[in-house]
N, C-alpha and C. Protein backbone atom coordinates (compact mmCIF):
# COMPACT_ATOMS: atom_id res chain seq x y z
N MET A 1 117.07 188.64 108.31
CA MET A 1 116.91 187.32 108.90
C MET A 1 117.72 186.28 108.12
N ALA A 2 117.63 186.31 106.77
CA ALA A 2 118.36 185.35 105.95
C ALA A 2 119.86 185.47 106.17
N ASP A 3 120.35 186.73 106.38
CA ASP A 3 121.77 186.93 106.65
C ASP A 3 122.19 186.26 107.95
N ARG A 4 121.34 186.31 108.97
CA ARG A 4 121.65 185.67 110.25
C ARG A 4 121.75 184.16 110.09
N ILE A 5 120.89 183.57 109.25
CA ILE A 5 120.93 182.13 109.04
C ILE A 5 122.25 181.74 108.38
N ARG A 6 122.70 182.54 107.40
CA ARG A 6 123.97 182.25 106.73
C ARG A 6 125.14 182.43 107.69
N GLU A 7 125.06 183.41 108.57
CA GLU A 7 126.15 183.66 109.52
C GLU A 7 126.20 182.58 110.59
N ASN A 8 125.07 182.05 110.98
CA ASN A 8 125.00 181.03 112.02
C ASN A 8 124.28 179.79 111.47
N PRO A 9 124.97 179.04 110.61
CA PRO A 9 124.30 177.86 110.03
C PRO A 9 124.00 176.83 111.12
N PRO A 10 122.98 176.01 110.90
CA PRO A 10 122.68 174.97 111.88
C PRO A 10 123.89 174.06 112.07
N SER A 11 124.01 173.50 113.24
CA SER A 11 125.15 172.61 113.50
C SER A 11 125.03 171.37 112.62
N GLU A 12 126.16 170.68 112.45
CA GLU A 12 126.15 169.44 111.66
C GLU A 12 125.16 168.45 112.24
N ARG A 13 125.06 168.41 113.55
CA ARG A 13 124.15 167.46 114.19
C ARG A 13 122.70 167.77 113.83
N ASP A 14 122.37 169.06 113.80
CA ASP A 14 120.99 169.45 113.48
C ASP A 14 120.62 169.10 112.05
N THR A 15 121.56 169.18 111.12
CA THR A 15 121.25 168.95 109.71
C THR A 15 121.43 167.50 109.31
N GLY A 16 122.03 166.70 110.16
CA GLY A 16 122.28 165.31 109.80
C GLY A 16 123.51 165.14 108.94
N ALA A 17 124.31 166.20 108.78
CA ALA A 17 125.48 166.13 107.91
C ALA A 17 126.52 165.14 108.43
N LEU A 18 126.75 165.10 109.73
CA LEU A 18 127.77 164.20 110.27
C LEU A 18 127.42 162.74 110.02
N PRO A 19 126.19 162.30 110.31
CA PRO A 19 125.87 160.90 109.98
C PRO A 19 126.00 160.59 108.49
N LEU A 20 125.67 161.54 107.63
CA LEU A 20 125.82 161.31 106.19
C LEU A 20 127.29 161.23 105.80
N LYS A 21 128.13 162.07 106.42
CA LYS A 21 129.57 162.00 106.16
C LYS A 21 130.11 160.65 106.61
N LEU A 22 129.65 160.19 107.77
CA LEU A 22 130.06 158.88 108.28
C LEU A 22 129.65 157.78 107.30
N TRP A 23 128.41 157.84 106.83
CA TRP A 23 127.94 156.84 105.88
C TRP A 23 128.79 156.83 104.61
N ARG A 24 129.09 158.02 104.08
CA ARG A 24 129.91 158.10 102.86
C ARG A 24 131.31 157.54 103.10
N ALA A 25 131.91 157.88 104.23
CA ALA A 25 133.25 157.37 104.54
C ALA A 25 133.23 155.84 104.68
N LEU A 26 132.21 155.31 105.36
CA LEU A 26 132.10 153.86 105.50
C LEU A 26 131.89 153.20 104.14
N ASP A 27 131.07 153.82 103.30
CA ASP A 27 130.81 153.28 101.97
C ASP A 27 132.09 153.22 101.14
N ARG A 28 132.87 154.31 101.17
CA ARG A 28 134.12 154.34 100.40
C ARG A 28 135.11 153.31 100.95
N ALA A 29 135.22 153.21 102.27
CA ALA A 29 136.14 152.23 102.87
C ALA A 29 135.70 150.81 102.52
N HIS A 30 134.39 150.56 102.61
CA HIS A 30 133.88 149.24 102.26
C HIS A 30 134.17 148.91 100.80
N ALA A 31 133.97 149.87 99.91
CA ALA A 31 134.23 149.63 98.49
C ALA A 31 135.70 149.28 98.25
N ALA A 32 136.60 149.98 98.93
CA ALA A 32 138.03 149.70 98.76
C ALA A 32 138.38 148.31 99.29
N LEU A 33 137.84 147.95 100.45
CA LEU A 33 138.10 146.63 101.01
C LEU A 33 137.46 145.54 100.16
N ALA A 34 136.25 145.79 99.66
CA ALA A 34 135.57 144.80 98.82
C ALA A 34 136.33 144.57 97.52
N THR A 35 136.91 145.63 96.97
CA THR A 35 137.70 145.48 95.75
C THR A 35 138.90 144.58 96.02
N ALA A 36 139.59 144.82 97.13
CA ALA A 36 140.75 143.99 97.47
C ALA A 36 140.33 142.55 97.72
N ALA A 37 139.24 142.34 98.46
CA ALA A 37 138.75 140.99 98.73
C ALA A 37 138.29 140.32 97.44
N GLY A 38 137.64 141.07 96.57
CA GLY A 38 137.18 140.52 95.29
C GLY A 38 138.34 140.06 94.42
N GLU A 39 139.41 140.83 94.42
CA GLU A 39 140.59 140.44 93.64
C GLU A 39 141.18 139.15 94.19
N GLU A 40 141.22 139.03 95.49
CA GLU A 40 141.76 137.82 96.11
C GLU A 40 140.85 136.63 95.85
N ALA A 41 139.53 136.83 95.95
CA ALA A 41 138.58 135.74 95.66
C ALA A 41 138.74 135.30 94.22
N ALA A 42 138.88 136.26 93.31
CA ALA A 42 139.02 135.94 91.88
C ALA A 42 140.27 135.10 91.61
N ARG A 43 141.32 135.31 92.39
CA ARG A 43 142.53 134.49 92.23
C ARG A 43 142.23 133.01 92.43
N HIS A 44 141.16 132.72 93.17
CA HIS A 44 140.76 131.34 93.44
C HIS A 44 139.52 130.94 92.63
N GLY A 45 139.15 131.79 91.66
CA GLY A 45 138.01 131.49 90.81
C GLY A 45 136.67 131.64 91.49
N LEU A 46 136.61 132.52 92.50
CA LEU A 46 135.39 132.69 93.30
C LEU A 46 134.93 134.14 93.30
N SER A 47 133.66 134.32 93.62
CA SER A 47 133.16 135.66 93.93
C SER A 47 133.42 135.90 95.42
N ILE A 48 133.27 137.15 95.85
CA ILE A 48 133.43 137.45 97.28
C ILE A 48 132.42 136.65 98.09
N ALA A 49 131.18 136.59 97.64
CA ALA A 49 130.13 135.87 98.38
C ALA A 49 130.45 134.38 98.47
N GLU A 50 130.95 133.80 97.38
CA GLU A 50 131.31 132.38 97.41
C GLU A 50 132.45 132.15 98.39
N LEU A 51 133.45 133.03 98.37
CA LEU A 51 134.56 132.90 99.31
C LEU A 51 134.05 133.03 100.74
N GLU A 52 133.12 133.94 100.98
CA GLU A 52 132.58 134.11 102.32
C GLU A 52 131.83 132.86 102.78
N VAL A 53 131.09 132.22 101.87
CA VAL A 53 130.40 130.97 102.23
C VAL A 53 131.43 129.91 102.61
N LEU A 54 132.46 129.75 101.78
CA LEU A 54 133.49 128.75 102.08
C LEU A 54 134.17 129.04 103.41
N ASP A 55 134.51 130.31 103.64
CA ASP A 55 135.18 130.67 104.89
C ASP A 55 134.26 130.44 106.09
N THR A 56 132.99 130.75 105.94
CA THR A 56 132.03 130.54 107.03
C THR A 56 131.92 129.06 107.35
N LEU A 57 131.80 128.22 106.34
CA LEU A 57 131.72 126.78 106.57
C LEU A 57 133.04 126.24 107.15
N ARG A 58 134.15 126.83 106.75
CA ARG A 58 135.46 126.42 107.30
C ARG A 58 135.52 126.72 108.79
N ARG A 59 135.03 127.91 109.18
CA ARG A 59 135.11 128.33 110.58
C ARG A 59 134.03 127.70 111.45
N LYS A 60 132.81 127.55 110.92
CA LYS A 60 131.67 127.14 111.73
C LYS A 60 131.28 125.67 111.56
N GLY A 61 131.77 125.02 110.50
CA GLY A 61 131.36 123.65 110.22
C GLY A 61 130.06 123.65 109.44
N PRO A 62 129.48 122.46 109.23
CA PRO A 62 128.25 122.36 108.44
C PRO A 62 127.13 123.24 108.99
N LEU A 63 126.42 123.91 108.07
CA LEU A 63 125.32 124.80 108.44
C LEU A 63 124.15 124.58 107.49
N SER A 64 122.96 124.86 107.98
CA SER A 64 121.80 124.85 107.09
C SER A 64 121.92 126.05 106.15
N VAL A 65 121.18 126.00 105.05
CA VAL A 65 121.21 127.13 104.11
C VAL A 65 120.71 128.39 104.80
N GLY A 66 119.74 128.26 105.71
CA GLY A 66 119.26 129.42 106.47
C GLY A 66 120.34 130.02 107.34
N GLN A 67 121.15 129.17 107.96
CA GLN A 67 122.26 129.68 108.78
C GLN A 67 123.31 130.35 107.89
N VAL A 68 123.56 129.79 106.72
CA VAL A 68 124.49 130.41 105.78
C VAL A 68 123.95 131.79 105.40
N ARG A 69 122.66 131.86 105.11
CA ARG A 69 122.02 133.13 104.73
C ARG A 69 122.28 134.20 105.79
N ARG A 70 122.04 133.86 107.05
CA ARG A 70 122.21 134.84 108.13
C ARG A 70 123.66 135.25 108.31
N ARG A 71 124.57 134.31 108.21
CA ARG A 71 125.98 134.63 108.44
C ARG A 71 126.61 135.38 107.28
N VAL A 72 126.18 135.10 106.06
CA VAL A 72 126.75 135.75 104.87
C VAL A 72 125.95 136.99 104.49
N ARG A 73 124.78 137.16 105.11
CA ARG A 73 123.92 138.33 104.90
C ARG A 73 123.47 138.45 103.44
N VAL A 74 122.85 137.38 102.97
CA VAL A 74 122.23 137.38 101.64
C VAL A 74 120.79 136.92 101.80
N SER A 75 120.01 137.06 100.74
CA SER A 75 118.63 136.60 100.77
C SER A 75 118.59 135.08 100.81
N SER A 76 117.41 134.55 101.10
CA SER A 76 117.23 133.10 101.12
C SER A 76 117.58 132.51 99.75
N GLY A 77 117.07 133.13 98.70
CA GLY A 77 117.39 132.67 97.35
C GLY A 77 118.86 132.80 97.03
N GLY A 78 119.48 133.87 97.53
CA GLY A 78 120.91 134.08 97.31
C GLY A 78 121.74 133.00 97.96
N ALA A 79 121.37 132.60 99.18
CA ALA A 79 122.11 131.55 99.88
C ALA A 79 121.97 130.23 99.15
N THR A 80 120.75 129.92 98.71
CA THR A 80 120.53 128.68 97.97
C THR A 80 121.35 128.68 96.69
N TYR A 81 121.35 129.81 95.98
CA TYR A 81 122.12 129.95 94.74
C TYR A 81 123.62 129.73 95.00
N LEU A 82 124.15 130.39 96.03
CA LEU A 82 125.58 130.27 96.33
C LEU A 82 125.95 128.84 96.68
N VAL A 83 125.16 128.21 97.55
CA VAL A 83 125.46 126.83 97.95
C VAL A 83 125.37 125.91 96.73
N SER A 84 124.36 126.11 95.87
CA SER A 84 124.22 125.29 94.67
C SER A 84 125.40 125.46 93.72
N ARG A 85 125.86 126.70 93.54
CA ARG A 85 127.02 126.95 92.67
C ARG A 85 128.27 126.26 93.21
N LEU A 86 128.47 126.39 94.52
CA LEU A 86 129.65 125.76 95.12
C LEU A 86 129.53 124.24 95.10
N GLU A 87 128.31 123.74 95.24
CA GLU A 87 128.08 122.30 95.16
C GLU A 87 128.40 121.80 93.75
N ALA A 88 127.97 122.54 92.74
CA ALA A 88 128.22 122.15 91.34
C ALA A 88 129.72 122.11 91.04
N ARG A 89 130.48 122.92 91.74
CA ARG A 89 131.95 122.95 91.54
C ARG A 89 132.67 121.94 92.42
N GLY A 90 131.91 121.19 93.23
CA GLY A 90 132.51 120.17 94.08
C GLY A 90 133.18 120.72 95.33
N LEU A 91 132.85 121.96 95.71
CA LEU A 91 133.47 122.58 96.88
C LEU A 91 132.60 122.44 98.14
N VAL A 92 131.31 122.21 97.93
CA VAL A 92 130.35 122.07 99.03
C VAL A 92 129.47 120.87 98.70
N GLU A 93 129.02 120.18 99.74
CA GLU A 93 128.05 119.11 99.56
C GLU A 93 126.92 119.30 100.56
N ARG A 94 125.76 118.83 100.19
CA ARG A 94 124.61 118.87 101.09
C ARG A 94 124.52 117.51 101.77
N ARG A 95 124.36 117.55 103.07
CA ARG A 95 124.29 116.31 103.85
C ARG A 95 122.98 116.26 104.63
N ASP A 96 122.47 115.04 104.79
CA ASP A 96 121.32 114.84 105.66
C ASP A 96 121.76 115.00 107.10
N VAL A 97 120.83 115.45 107.95
CA VAL A 97 121.11 115.58 109.38
C VAL A 97 120.59 114.33 110.07
N PRO A 98 121.46 113.57 110.74
CA PRO A 98 121.00 112.36 111.43
C PRO A 98 119.90 112.70 112.44
N GLY A 99 118.85 111.94 112.41
CA GLY A 99 117.75 112.15 113.35
C GLY A 99 116.70 113.15 112.89
N ASP A 100 116.92 113.81 111.75
CA ASP A 100 115.94 114.76 111.24
C ASP A 100 115.86 114.58 109.72
N ARG A 101 114.87 113.84 109.27
CA ARG A 101 114.78 113.50 107.85
C ARG A 101 114.56 114.72 106.97
N ARG A 102 114.03 115.80 107.53
CA ARG A 102 113.75 117.00 106.71
C ARG A 102 114.95 117.91 106.59
N ALA A 103 115.85 117.86 107.54
CA ALA A 103 116.95 118.84 107.60
C ALA A 103 118.15 118.38 106.76
N ARG A 104 118.78 119.38 106.13
CA ARG A 104 120.02 119.15 105.39
C ARG A 104 120.95 120.31 105.70
N VAL A 105 122.24 120.04 105.64
CA VAL A 105 123.24 121.08 105.88
C VAL A 105 124.21 121.13 104.71
N ALA A 106 124.82 122.28 104.56
CA ALA A 106 125.90 122.45 103.58
C ALA A 106 127.21 122.26 104.34
N ALA A 107 128.10 121.49 103.73
CA ALA A 107 129.40 121.22 104.35
C ALA A 107 130.48 121.29 103.29
N LEU A 108 131.68 121.66 103.71
CA LEU A 108 132.80 121.70 102.78
C LEU A 108 133.19 120.28 102.38
N THR A 109 133.54 120.13 101.11
CA THR A 109 134.18 118.91 100.65
C THR A 109 135.67 119.08 100.92
N PRO A 110 136.47 118.03 100.77
CA PRO A 110 137.92 118.23 100.91
C PRO A 110 138.46 119.30 99.95
N ALA A 111 137.93 119.34 98.74
CA ALA A 111 138.38 120.37 97.78
C ALA A 111 137.97 121.76 98.27
N GLY A 112 136.77 121.88 98.82
CA GLY A 112 136.31 123.16 99.36
C GLY A 112 137.16 123.61 100.54
N GLN A 113 137.51 122.66 101.40
CA GLN A 113 138.38 122.96 102.54
C GLN A 113 139.73 123.47 102.05
N GLU A 114 140.24 122.81 101.01
CA GLU A 114 141.54 123.21 100.45
C GLU A 114 141.49 124.64 99.91
N VAL A 115 140.45 124.97 99.16
CA VAL A 115 140.32 126.33 98.60
C VAL A 115 140.15 127.35 99.71
N ALA A 116 139.29 127.04 100.70
CA ALA A 116 139.05 127.98 101.80
C ALA A 116 140.33 128.25 102.58
N VAL A 117 141.11 127.22 102.83
CA VAL A 117 142.37 127.38 103.57
C VAL A 117 143.40 128.12 102.70
N ALA A 118 143.44 127.80 101.41
CA ALA A 118 144.42 128.44 100.52
C ALA A 118 144.15 129.93 100.36
N ALA A 119 142.89 130.34 100.44
CA ALA A 119 142.54 131.75 100.25
C ALA A 119 142.87 132.61 101.46
N GLN A 120 142.96 132.01 102.63
CA GLN A 120 143.13 132.79 103.86
C GLN A 120 144.40 133.64 103.92
N PRO A 121 145.57 133.09 103.63
CA PRO A 121 146.77 133.94 103.72
C PRO A 121 146.72 135.15 102.80
N GLY A 122 146.29 134.95 101.56
CA GLY A 122 146.22 136.07 100.62
C GLY A 122 145.21 137.11 101.04
N LEU A 123 144.04 136.65 101.49
CA LEU A 123 143.00 137.59 101.93
C LEU A 123 143.47 138.34 103.18
N GLY A 124 144.05 137.61 104.11
CA GLY A 124 144.58 138.27 105.32
C GLY A 124 145.64 139.29 104.98
N ASP A 125 146.53 138.95 104.05
CA ASP A 125 147.58 139.88 103.64
C ASP A 125 146.99 141.12 102.99
N ARG A 126 145.97 140.94 102.13
CA ARG A 126 145.31 142.10 101.49
C ARG A 126 144.68 143.02 102.53
N MET A 127 144.02 142.43 103.53
CA MET A 127 143.37 143.24 104.56
C MET A 127 144.42 143.93 105.45
N ARG A 128 145.51 143.23 105.76
CA ARG A 128 146.60 143.86 106.54
C ARG A 128 147.17 145.06 105.80
N ARG A 129 147.39 144.89 104.50
CA ARG A 129 147.92 146.01 103.70
C ARG A 129 146.92 147.16 103.66
N ALA A 130 145.64 146.84 103.60
CA ALA A 130 144.61 147.88 103.53
C ALA A 130 144.60 148.75 104.78
N VAL A 131 144.88 148.16 105.93
CA VAL A 131 144.84 148.93 107.19
C VAL A 131 146.24 149.29 107.68
N SER A 132 147.26 149.07 106.85
CA SER A 132 148.64 149.30 107.28
C SER A 132 148.94 150.76 107.59
N GLY A 133 148.14 151.68 107.08
CA GLY A 133 148.35 153.10 107.36
C GLY A 133 147.86 153.50 108.74
N MET A 134 147.26 152.57 109.46
CA MET A 134 146.72 152.86 110.80
C MET A 134 147.57 152.13 111.83
N GLY A 135 147.77 152.76 112.96
CA GLY A 135 148.48 152.11 114.05
C GLY A 135 147.62 151.04 114.70
N LYS A 136 148.25 150.18 115.49
CA LYS A 136 147.54 149.08 116.15
C LYS A 136 146.43 149.60 117.05
N LYS A 137 146.71 150.68 117.80
CA LYS A 137 145.69 151.27 118.67
C LYS A 137 144.49 151.76 117.87
N ASP A 138 144.77 152.41 116.73
CA ASP A 138 143.69 152.93 115.89
C ASP A 138 142.86 151.80 115.30
N ARG A 139 143.54 150.70 114.89
CA ARG A 139 142.80 149.56 114.34
C ARG A 139 141.88 148.96 115.40
N ARG A 140 142.39 148.82 116.62
CA ARG A 140 141.55 148.28 117.71
C ARG A 140 140.39 149.22 118.02
N ALA A 141 140.66 150.52 118.06
CA ALA A 141 139.61 151.49 118.34
C ALA A 141 138.56 151.46 117.22
N LEU A 142 139.01 151.36 115.97
CA LEU A 142 138.07 151.30 114.85
C LEU A 142 137.19 150.06 114.96
N LEU A 143 137.78 148.93 115.30
CA LEU A 143 137.00 147.71 115.46
C LEU A 143 135.93 147.89 116.53
N GLU A 144 136.31 148.46 117.67
CA GLU A 144 135.34 148.70 118.74
C GLU A 144 134.23 149.64 118.29
N LEU A 145 134.60 150.69 117.57
CA LEU A 145 133.60 151.65 117.09
C LEU A 145 132.66 151.01 116.06
N LEU A 146 133.21 150.21 115.16
CA LEU A 146 132.36 149.55 114.17
C LEU A 146 131.43 148.54 114.82
N GLU A 147 131.92 147.83 115.84
CA GLU A 147 131.04 146.90 116.56
C GLU A 147 129.94 147.66 117.29
N ALA A 148 130.26 148.82 117.85
CA ALA A 148 129.25 149.65 118.51
C ALA A 148 128.23 150.16 117.50
N LEU A 149 128.71 150.54 116.30
CA LEU A 149 127.80 150.99 115.24
C LEU A 149 126.87 149.85 114.82
N GLU A 150 127.41 148.66 114.68
CA GLU A 150 126.58 147.50 114.32
C GLU A 150 125.51 147.26 115.39
N ASP A 151 125.92 147.30 116.65
CA ASP A 151 124.95 147.12 117.75
C ASP A 151 123.86 148.19 117.68
N SER A 152 124.25 149.43 117.41
CA SER A 152 123.29 150.52 117.33
C SER A 152 122.31 150.30 116.18
N CYS A 153 122.84 149.87 115.03
CA CYS A 153 121.98 149.61 113.87
C CYS A 153 121.01 148.47 114.15
N LEU A 154 121.50 147.41 114.80
CA LEU A 154 120.63 146.28 115.12
C LEU A 154 119.54 146.69 116.10
N ALA A 155 119.91 147.51 117.08
CA ALA A 155 118.91 147.99 118.05
C ALA A 155 117.87 148.85 117.34
N ASP A 156 118.32 149.67 116.39
CA ASP A 156 117.40 150.52 115.63
C ASP A 156 116.47 149.65 114.78
N ASP A 157 117.02 148.60 114.17
CA ASP A 157 116.20 147.68 113.38
C ASP A 157 115.14 147.01 114.26
N ARG A 158 115.53 146.61 115.47
CA ARG A 158 114.57 145.99 116.39
C ARG A 158 113.47 146.97 116.77
N ARG A 159 113.85 148.23 117.04
CA ARG A 159 112.84 149.24 117.38
C ARG A 159 111.88 149.45 116.21
N ASP A 160 112.42 149.51 114.99
CA ASP A 160 111.56 149.66 113.81
C ASP A 160 110.61 148.48 113.67
N ALA A 161 111.12 147.28 113.88
CA ALA A 161 110.28 146.08 113.76
C ALA A 161 109.18 146.10 114.83
N GLU A 162 109.54 146.53 116.04
CA GLU A 162 108.53 146.61 117.10
C GLU A 162 107.46 147.63 116.75
N ARG A 163 107.87 148.78 116.19
CA ARG A 163 106.89 149.79 115.80
C ARG A 163 105.97 149.28 114.69
N ARG A 164 106.54 148.57 113.71
CA ARG A 164 105.71 148.00 112.64
C ARG A 164 104.72 147.00 113.21
N ALA A 165 105.17 146.17 114.14
CA ALA A 165 104.28 145.17 114.75
C ALA A 165 103.17 145.85 115.54
N GLU A 166 103.52 146.93 116.25
CA GLU A 166 102.50 147.67 117.01
C GLU A 166 101.46 148.29 116.07
N ARG A 167 101.93 148.90 114.97
CA ARG A 167 101.00 149.49 113.99
C ARG A 167 100.10 148.43 113.38
N LEU A 168 100.67 147.29 113.04
CA LEU A 168 99.89 146.20 112.44
C LEU A 168 98.83 145.70 113.44
N ALA A 169 99.25 145.53 114.70
CA ALA A 169 98.32 145.07 115.73
C ALA A 169 97.18 146.07 115.90
N ALA A 170 97.51 147.36 115.87
CA ALA A 170 96.50 148.40 116.02
C ALA A 170 95.54 148.38 114.84
N GLU A 171 96.08 148.21 113.63
CA GLU A 171 95.23 148.13 112.43
C GLU A 171 94.30 146.93 112.49
N LEU A 172 94.85 145.79 112.90
CA LEU A 172 94.06 144.57 112.97
C LEU A 172 92.96 144.67 114.04
N SER A 173 93.27 145.35 115.13
CA SER A 173 92.26 145.47 116.21
C SER A 173 91.13 146.41 115.82
N GLN A 174 91.37 147.29 114.83
CA GLN A 174 90.35 148.21 114.37
C GLN A 174 89.43 147.58 113.33
N ARG A 175 89.77 146.44 112.84
CA ARG A 175 88.94 145.77 111.80
C ARG A 175 87.78 145.04 112.39
């Protein structure tokens, strides 16, 4: 029996090997891209996360710290820390929101705008070089596949959250 198992191993799909290979490949690709982005951010005296905050504010305009958190994908404390660091360097300022005394937004200062704009060509060039071994069709296909993967992960997260809520509701109803 053991010989038959060795002769006919379970398919990659059955063992989960293909998803793990995909995860490892994505992790290695992300690490390589993050290294390149980090080097470019460092040229401007920034961390990758700080550069991402500046770029997000450049593209989207003033945002609340909560909106920065969601767009940059950091914790609430992380977003506050990043905005505070950039504020201390004079690259970001916090502004009151007209008509809402409680609300404040983070906005680029002129110096922050200058740094965000100055970093774009170098960062774009680094990313172009990173994907230069792929043809245009492959780059477009990869983008579509990665967007589909993101959608799949978000749907899975929503299903998990719904299951947790159902379990919690069931537990509470039993009390």
